[in-house]
N, C-alpha and C. Protein backbone atom coordinates (compact mmCIF):
# COMPACT_ATOMS: atom_id res chain seq x y z
N MET A 1 -0.34 16.20 9.62
CA MET A 1 -1.56 15.21 9.70
C MET A 1 -0.87 14.48 8.35
N PRO A 2 -0.76 13.03 8.84
CA PRO A 2 -0.72 12.30 7.30
C PRO A 2 -1.99 12.29 6.47
N ARG A 3 -1.18 12.18 4.87
CA ARG A 3 -2.40 12.03 3.99
C ARG A 3 -2.81 10.66 4.10
N ARG A 4 -4.08 10.61 3.61
CA ARG A 4 -4.59 9.48 3.48
C ARG A 4 -5.48 9.48 2.10
N SER A 5 -5.91 8.09 1.80
CA SER A 5 -6.60 8.44 -0.02
C SER A 5 -8.42 8.99 0.40
N ARG A 6 -8.96 9.00 -0.34
CA ARG A 6 -10.60 9.42 -0.25
C ARG A 6 -11.27 8.16 0.19
N GLY A 7 -10.92 7.24 -0.05
CA GLY A 7 -11.67 5.84 0.08
C GLY A 7 -11.15 5.34 1.34
N ALA A 8 -9.66 5.45 2.25
CA ALA A 8 -9.49 5.69 3.68
C ALA A 8 -10.81 6.58 4.36
N GLU A 9 -10.54 7.98 3.69
CA GLU A 9 -11.54 8.75 4.43
C GLU A 9 -12.97 8.44 4.28
N VAL A 10 -13.68 7.85 3.49
CA VAL A 10 -15.13 7.41 3.32
C VAL A 10 -14.86 6.03 4.22
N ILE A 11 -14.49 5.16 4.30
CA ILE A 11 -14.13 4.39 5.09
C ILE A 11 -14.34 4.60 6.73
N GLU A 12 -13.83 5.86 7.02
CA GLU A 12 -13.66 5.93 8.00
C GLU A 12 -14.63 7.08 8.77
N ALA A 13 -15.40 7.72 8.04
CA ALA A 13 -16.52 8.04 8.25
C ALA A 13 -17.70 7.26 8.34
N ARG A 14 -17.65 6.29 7.40
CA ARG A 14 -18.68 5.49 7.65
C ARG A 14 -18.93 4.48 9.14
N VAL A 15 -17.47 4.11 9.60
CA VAL A 15 -17.59 3.21 10.97
C VAL A 15 -17.52 4.70 11.92
N ARG A 16 -17.17 5.61 11.83
CA ARG A 16 -17.13 6.60 13.00
C ARG A 16 -18.92 7.01 13.00
N GLY A 17 -19.45 6.89 11.95
CA GLY A 17 -20.97 7.16 11.74
C GLY A 17 -22.00 6.25 12.02
N GLY A 18 -21.23 4.76 12.30
CA GLY A 18 -21.90 4.02 12.53
C GLY A 18 -22.96 3.39 11.46
N ILE A 19 -22.42 3.67 10.46
CA ILE A 19 -23.20 3.07 9.08
C ILE A 19 -22.69 1.86 8.78
N HIS A 20 -21.30 1.66 9.30
CA HIS A 20 -20.79 0.23 8.79
C HIS A 20 -19.99 -0.53 9.96
N THR A 21 -19.40 -1.59 9.67
CA THR A 21 -17.90 -2.00 10.69
C THR A 21 -17.06 -2.20 9.58
N ARG A 22 -15.79 -1.73 10.30
CA ARG A 22 -14.27 -1.26 9.28
C ARG A 22 -14.36 -2.78 8.49
N PRO A 23 -14.76 -3.97 9.25
CA PRO A 23 -14.36 -5.50 8.55
C PRO A 23 -15.18 -5.35 7.00
N ALA A 24 -16.22 -4.67 7.22
CA ALA A 24 -17.18 -4.60 6.00
C ALA A 24 -16.42 -3.82 5.19
N ASP A 25 -16.81 -2.72 4.98
CA ASP A 25 -16.30 -1.66 4.67
C ASP A 25 -14.71 -2.36 4.06
N LEU A 26 -13.85 -2.87 4.42
CA LEU A 26 -12.93 -2.87 3.98
C LEU A 26 -13.07 -4.01 2.99
N ALA A 27 -13.82 -5.18 3.43
CA ALA A 27 -13.82 -6.15 2.15
C ALA A 27 -14.79 -5.49 1.02
N GLY A 28 -15.22 -4.02 1.55
CA GLY A 28 -15.90 -3.89 -0.01
C GLY A 28 -15.37 -3.52 -0.74
N ALA A 29 -14.01 -2.36 -0.39
CA ALA A 29 -13.59 -1.39 -1.03
C ALA A 29 -12.22 -2.80 -2.09
N GLU A 30 -12.01 -4.07 -1.05
CA GLU A 30 -11.11 -4.75 -2.00
C GLU A 30 -11.93 -5.70 -3.03
N ILE A 31 -13.31 -5.76 -2.89
CA ILE A 31 -14.28 -6.23 -3.71
C ILE A 31 -14.18 -5.39 -4.85
N GLY A 32 -14.68 -3.79 -4.58
CA GLY A 32 -14.43 -2.86 -5.93
C GLY A 32 -13.06 -2.72 -6.52
N ARG A 33 -12.14 -3.17 -5.53
CA ARG A 33 -11.09 -3.29 -6.63
C ARG A 33 -10.70 -3.91 -7.55
N ASN A 34 -11.24 -5.26 -7.33
CA ASN A 34 -10.79 -6.43 -8.01
C ASN A 34 -12.18 -6.72 -9.17
N VAL A 35 -13.07 -5.66 -8.87
CA VAL A 35 -14.48 -5.43 -9.90
C VAL A 35 -13.65 -4.59 -11.09
N ALA A 36 -13.18 -3.69 -10.52
CA ALA A 36 -12.61 -2.76 -11.59
C ALA A 36 -11.30 -3.25 -12.35
N ALA A 37 -10.52 -4.14 -11.62
CA ALA A 37 -9.50 -4.49 -12.05
C ALA A 37 -10.00 -5.60 -13.33
N TYR A 38 -10.93 -6.20 -13.33
CA TYR A 38 -11.49 -7.02 -13.74
C TYR A 38 -11.97 -6.46 -15.31
N VAL A 39 -13.01 -5.60 -15.20
CA VAL A 39 -13.72 -4.76 -16.52
C VAL A 39 -12.55 -4.09 -16.91
N VAL A 40 -11.54 -3.02 -16.19
CA VAL A 40 -10.19 -2.50 -17.30
C VAL A 40 -9.73 -3.87 -18.52
N ALA A 41 -9.40 -5.07 -17.42
CA ALA A 41 -8.81 -6.18 -18.17
C ALA A 41 -9.16 -6.58 -19.52
N ARG A 42 -11.04 -6.74 -19.27
CA ARG A 42 -11.63 -7.05 -20.42
C ARG A 42 -12.46 -6.58 -21.11
N HIS A 43 -12.48 -5.15 -20.78
CA HIS A 43 -13.49 -4.24 -21.70
C HIS A 43 -13.00 -2.88 -22.10
N PHE A 44 -11.94 -2.66 -21.54
CA PHE A 44 -11.20 -1.47 -21.92
C PHE A 44 -9.36 -1.42 -23.11
N ARG A 45 -10.23 -2.65 -23.56
CA ARG A 45 -8.74 -2.49 -24.99
C ARG A 45 -8.91 -2.20 -25.95
N PRO A 46 -7.99 -1.55 -26.40
CA PRO A 46 -7.91 -1.22 -27.76
C PRO A 46 -8.62 -2.42 -28.58
N SER A 47 -9.31 -1.51 -29.89
CA SER A 47 -10.03 -2.86 -30.57
C SER A 47 -9.21 -3.00 -31.79
N ALA A 48 -9.53 -4.01 -32.46
CA ALA A 48 -8.66 -4.64 -33.62
C ALA A 48 -9.21 -3.11 -34.79
N PRO A 49 -8.28 -2.67 -35.61
CA PRO A 49 -8.84 -1.51 -36.59
C PRO A 49 -9.99 -2.84 -37.66
């Protein structure tokens, strides 16, 4: 059985459970990655001494 990420497993469970549609979950995952990258780039930098 091929390994999948936890995010892929969550998406699959939501789709199979009828909670969400695959396009909506994939779009939400992409938005989440973009938000995380934004926050890390702007707020998790070393502070000046």
